[in-house]
Every structure is written in structure tokens, then in C-alpha cells.
C-alpha atoms as a PDB file:
ATOM      1  CA  MET A   1       4.352 -15.268  32.091  1.00  0.00           C
ATOM      2  CA  SER A   2       7.662 -16.524  33.431  1.00  0.00           C
ATOM      3  CA  GLU A   3      10.941 -16.224  31.562  1.00  0.00           C
ATOM      4  CA  PRO A   4      11.180 -19.960  30.606  1.00  0.00           C
ATOM      5  CA  ALA A   5       7.597 -19.933  29.367  1.00  0.00           C
ATOM      6  CA  VAL A   6       8.294 -16.896  27.177  1.00  0.00           C
ATOM      7  CA  ALA A   7      11.434 -18.556  25.794  1.00  0.00           C
ATOM      8  CA  ALA A   8       9.473 -21.751  25.002  1.00  0.00           C
ATOM      9  CA  VAL A   9       6.670 -19.825  23.261  1.00  0.00           C
ATOM     10  CA  SER A  10       9.132 -17.838  21.217  1.00  0.00           C
ATOM     11  CA  GLN A  11      11.080 -20.983  20.283  1.00  0.00           C
ATOM     12  CA  ARG A  12       7.870 -22.707  19.094  1.00  0.00           C
ATOM     13  CA  ALA A  13       6.855 -19.634  17.158  1.00  0.00           C
ATOM     14  CA  GLY A  14      10.161 -19.612  15.280  1.00  0.00           C
ATOM     15  CA  LEU A  15      11.518 -16.467  16.829  1.00  0.00           C
ATOM     16  CA  SER A  16      15.272 -17.015  16.724  1.00  0.00           C
ATOM     17  CA  GLY A  17      16.496 -14.020  18.637  1.00  0.00           C
ATOM     18  CA  VAL A  18      15.863 -10.530  19.939  1.00  0.00           C
ATOM     19  CA  ALA A  19      18.612  -8.942  17.870  1.00  0.00           C
ATOM     20  CA  SER A  20      16.882  -9.567  14.485  1.00  0.00           C
ATOM     21  CA  GLU A  21      13.536  -8.132  15.605  1.00  0.00           C
ATOM     22  CA  PRO A  22      14.503  -4.367  15.568  1.00  0.00           C
ATOM     23  CA  ALA A  23      16.094  -4.792  12.115  1.00  0.00           C
ATOM     24  CA  ARG A  24      12.894  -6.488  10.851  1.00  0.00           C
ATOM     25  CA  ARG A  25      10.764  -3.675  12.204  1.00  0.00           C
ATOM     26  CA  TRP A  26      12.772  -1.048  10.363  1.00  0.00           C
ATOM     27  CA  TRP A  27      12.552  -3.177   7.202  1.00  0.00           C
ATOM     28  CA  ILE A  28       8.762  -3.395   7.514  1.00  0.00           C
ATOM     29  CA  LEU A  29       8.522   0.368   8.188  1.00  0.00           C
ATOM     30  CA  GLY A  30      10.562   1.022   5.076  1.00  0.00           C
ATOM     31  CA  VAL A  31       8.362  -1.168   2.908  1.00  0.00           C
ATOM     32  CA  VAL A  32       5.226   0.423   4.307  1.00  0.00           C
ATOM     33  CA  GLY A  33       6.659   3.903   3.754  1.00  0.00           C
ATOM     34  CA  LEU A  34       7.521   2.959   0.177  1.00  0.00           C
ATOM     35  CA  ALA A  35       3.981   1.811  -0.444  1.00  0.00           C
ATOM     36  CA  GLN A  36       2.598   5.041   0.986  1.00  0.00           C
ATOM     37  CA  LEU A  37       4.965   7.006  -1.232  1.00  0.00           C
ATOM     38  CA  MET A  38       3.529   5.166  -4.253  1.00  0.00           C
ATOM     39  CA  VAL A  39       0.016   6.119  -3.243  1.00  0.00           C
ATOM     40  CA  VAL A  40       0.948   9.775  -2.824  1.00  0.00           C
ATOM     41  CA  LEU A  41       2.986   9.786  -6.038  1.00  0.00           C
ATOM     42  CA  ASP A  42      -0.039   8.344  -7.918  1.00  0.00           C
ATOM     43  CA  ALA A  43      -2.381  11.041  -6.619  1.00  0.00           C
ATOM     44  CA  THR A  44       0.166  13.750  -7.444  1.00  0.00           C
ATOM     45  CA  ILE A  45       0.556  12.507 -11.005  1.00  0.00           C
ATOM     46  CA  VAL A  46      -3.233  12.572 -11.471  1.00  0.00           C
ATOM     47  CA  ASN A  47      -3.459  16.172 -10.152  1.00  0.00           C
ATOM     48  CA  ILE A  48      -0.563  17.327 -12.350  1.00  0.00           C
ATOM     49  CA  ALA A  49      -1.896  15.680 -15.503  1.00  0.00           C
ATOM     50  CA  LEU A  50      -5.481  16.920 -15.019  1.00  0.00           C
ATOM     51  CA  PRO A  51      -5.131  20.373 -16.561  1.00  0.00           C
ATOM     52  CA  SER A  52      -3.533  18.854 -19.715  1.00  0.00           C
ATOM     53  CA  ALA A  53      -6.287  16.281 -19.926  1.00  0.00           C
ATOM     54  CA  GLN A  54      -8.837  19.023 -19.482  1.00  0.00           C
ATOM     55  CA  ARG A  55      -7.392  21.096 -22.331  1.00  0.00           C
ATOM     56  CA  ASP A  56      -6.993  18.068 -24.663  1.00  0.00           C
ATOM     57  CA  LEU A  57     -10.460  16.584 -23.938  1.00  0.00           C
ATOM     58  CA  GLY A  58     -12.244  19.915 -23.683  1.00  0.00           C
ATOM     59  CA  PHE A  59     -14.183  19.491 -20.450  1.00  0.00           C
ATOM     60  CA  SER A  60     -14.990  22.293 -18.056  1.00  0.00           C
ATOM     61  CA  ILE A  61     -13.621  22.981 -14.547  1.00  0.00           C
ATOM     62  CA  ALA A  62     -16.825  21.503 -13.030  1.00  0.00           C
ATOM     63  CA  ASP A  63     -16.283  18.301 -14.957  1.00  0.00           C
ATOM     64  CA  ARG A  64     -12.704  18.155 -13.637  1.00  0.00           C
ATOM     65  CA  GLN A  65     -14.184  17.416 -10.191  1.00  0.00           C
ATOM     66  CA  TRP A  66     -16.003  14.477 -11.659  1.00  0.00           C
ATOM     67  CA  VAL A  67     -12.708  13.087 -13.003  1.00  0.00           C
ATOM     68  CA  VAL A  68     -11.195  13.360  -9.522  1.00  0.00           C
ATOM     69  CA  THR A  69     -14.289  11.712  -7.982  1.00  0.00           C
ATOM     70  CA  ALA A  70     -14.277   8.848 -10.507  1.00  0.00           C
ATOM     71  CA  TYR A  71     -10.539   8.318  -9.960  1.00  0.00           C
ATOM     72  CA  SER A  72     -11.039   8.242  -6.174  1.00  0.00           C
ATOM     73  CA  LEU A  73     -13.942   5.761  -6.418  1.00  0.00           C
ATOM     74  CA  ALA A  74     -11.935   3.488  -8.744  1.00  0.00           C
ATOM     75  CA  PHE A  75      -8.920   3.696  -6.480  1.00  0.00           C
ATOM     76  CA  GLY A  76     -10.980   2.837  -3.375  1.00  0.00           C
ATOM     77  CA  GLY A  77     -12.693  -0.058  -5.080  1.00  0.00           C
ATOM     78  CA  LEU A  78      -9.468  -1.461  -6.334  1.00  0.00           C
ATOM     79  CA  LEU A  79      -7.961  -1.006  -2.841  1.00  0.00           C
ATOM     80  CA  LEU A  80     -10.773  -3.096  -1.375  1.00  0.00           C
ATOM     81  CA  LEU A  81     -10.250  -5.724  -4.088  1.00  0.00           C
ATOM     82  CA  GLY A  82      -6.491  -5.746  -3.372  1.00  0.00           C
ATOM     83  CA  GLY A  83      -7.150  -6.219   0.323  1.00  0.00           C
ATOM     84  CA  ARG A  84      -9.387  -9.163  -0.347  1.00  0.00           C
ATOM     85  CA  LEU A  85      -6.844 -10.706  -2.764  1.00  0.00           C
ATOM     86  CA  SER A  86      -4.149 -10.220  -0.149  1.00  0.00           C
ATOM     87  CA  ASP A  87      -6.233 -12.208   2.279  1.00  0.00           C
ATOM     88  CA  LEU A  88      -6.490 -15.002  -0.243  1.00  0.00           C
ATOM     89  CA  LEU A  89      -3.056 -14.958  -1.832  1.00  0.00           C
ATOM     90  CA  GLY A  90      -0.817 -13.486   0.852  1.00  0.00           C
ATOM     91  CA  ARG A  91       0.019  -9.915   1.833  1.00  0.00           C
ATOM     92  CA  ARG A  92       3.678 -10.022   0.758  1.00  0.00           C
ATOM     93  CA  ARG A  93       2.843 -11.429  -2.712  1.00  0.00           C
ATOM     94  CA  MET A  94       0.129  -8.896  -3.326  1.00  0.00           C
ATOM     95  CA  LEU A  95       2.343  -5.996  -2.185  1.00  0.00           C
ATOM     96  CA  ILE A  96       5.041  -7.096  -4.647  1.00  0.00           C
ATOM     97  CA  ILE A  97       2.478  -7.519  -7.445  1.00  0.00           C
ATOM     98  CA  GLY A  98       1.073  -4.075  -6.745  1.00  0.00           C
ATOM     99  CA  LEU A  99       4.520  -2.373  -6.682  1.00  0.00           C
ATOM    100  CA  VAL A 100       5.567  -4.110  -9.928  1.00  0.00           C
ATOM    101  CA  GLY A 101       2.222  -3.249 -11.478  1.00  0.00           C
ATOM    102  CA  PHE A 102       2.573   0.371 -10.588  1.00  0.00           C
END
């Protein structure tokens, strides 16, 4: 594609300049990193709280694995639901709702 054609396409697409693109990429990387941190933090909290729950509820070590499996299945199912809702309502809106809900 020639230089004027690229400029025309970027102008129609609403791309104002090249200088703002690297800043936006870092912003997006930060948001995605924060979302990944929330996922890891959630899994860590479950693993730390599991021995206390086992003691309080009186289930065995073998049953502890069932708790982890049930949590993983629920998390995966809700992740799929969240993906579908983000397709319907918008990715940014669902990310903000998920972060606030967490």
C-alpha cells in the first residue's frame, strides 16, 4: 500500500497519530496485566483458605480436591459466560464490571 493510501485509511479509521499508539499499547498491557493479577490472586486466596475451610467443615484431604475441581469448573463456566456477555455488551464494560465485582 502506498503512503497516501495508508494515511487515508488511518484517517477514515479515526487514527489521529502515531505518537498516541505506543502509549495506548502500554495502557492496554497494564489493564490486561491487572486482570491477570486478579485471576492469580483469586486462585491464591482459594488455596490459602482451603485448609481452614477443611478444618471448619470437617472434610478429608481427598474431598479437598473435589472443592478445587468444583471451583475450577465454576470459574471456567463463568469465564465462558463473561466472554459471551462481553461480545453482547462490550469488552470494556464487562472488564470494568468484573473488576468492580471482584
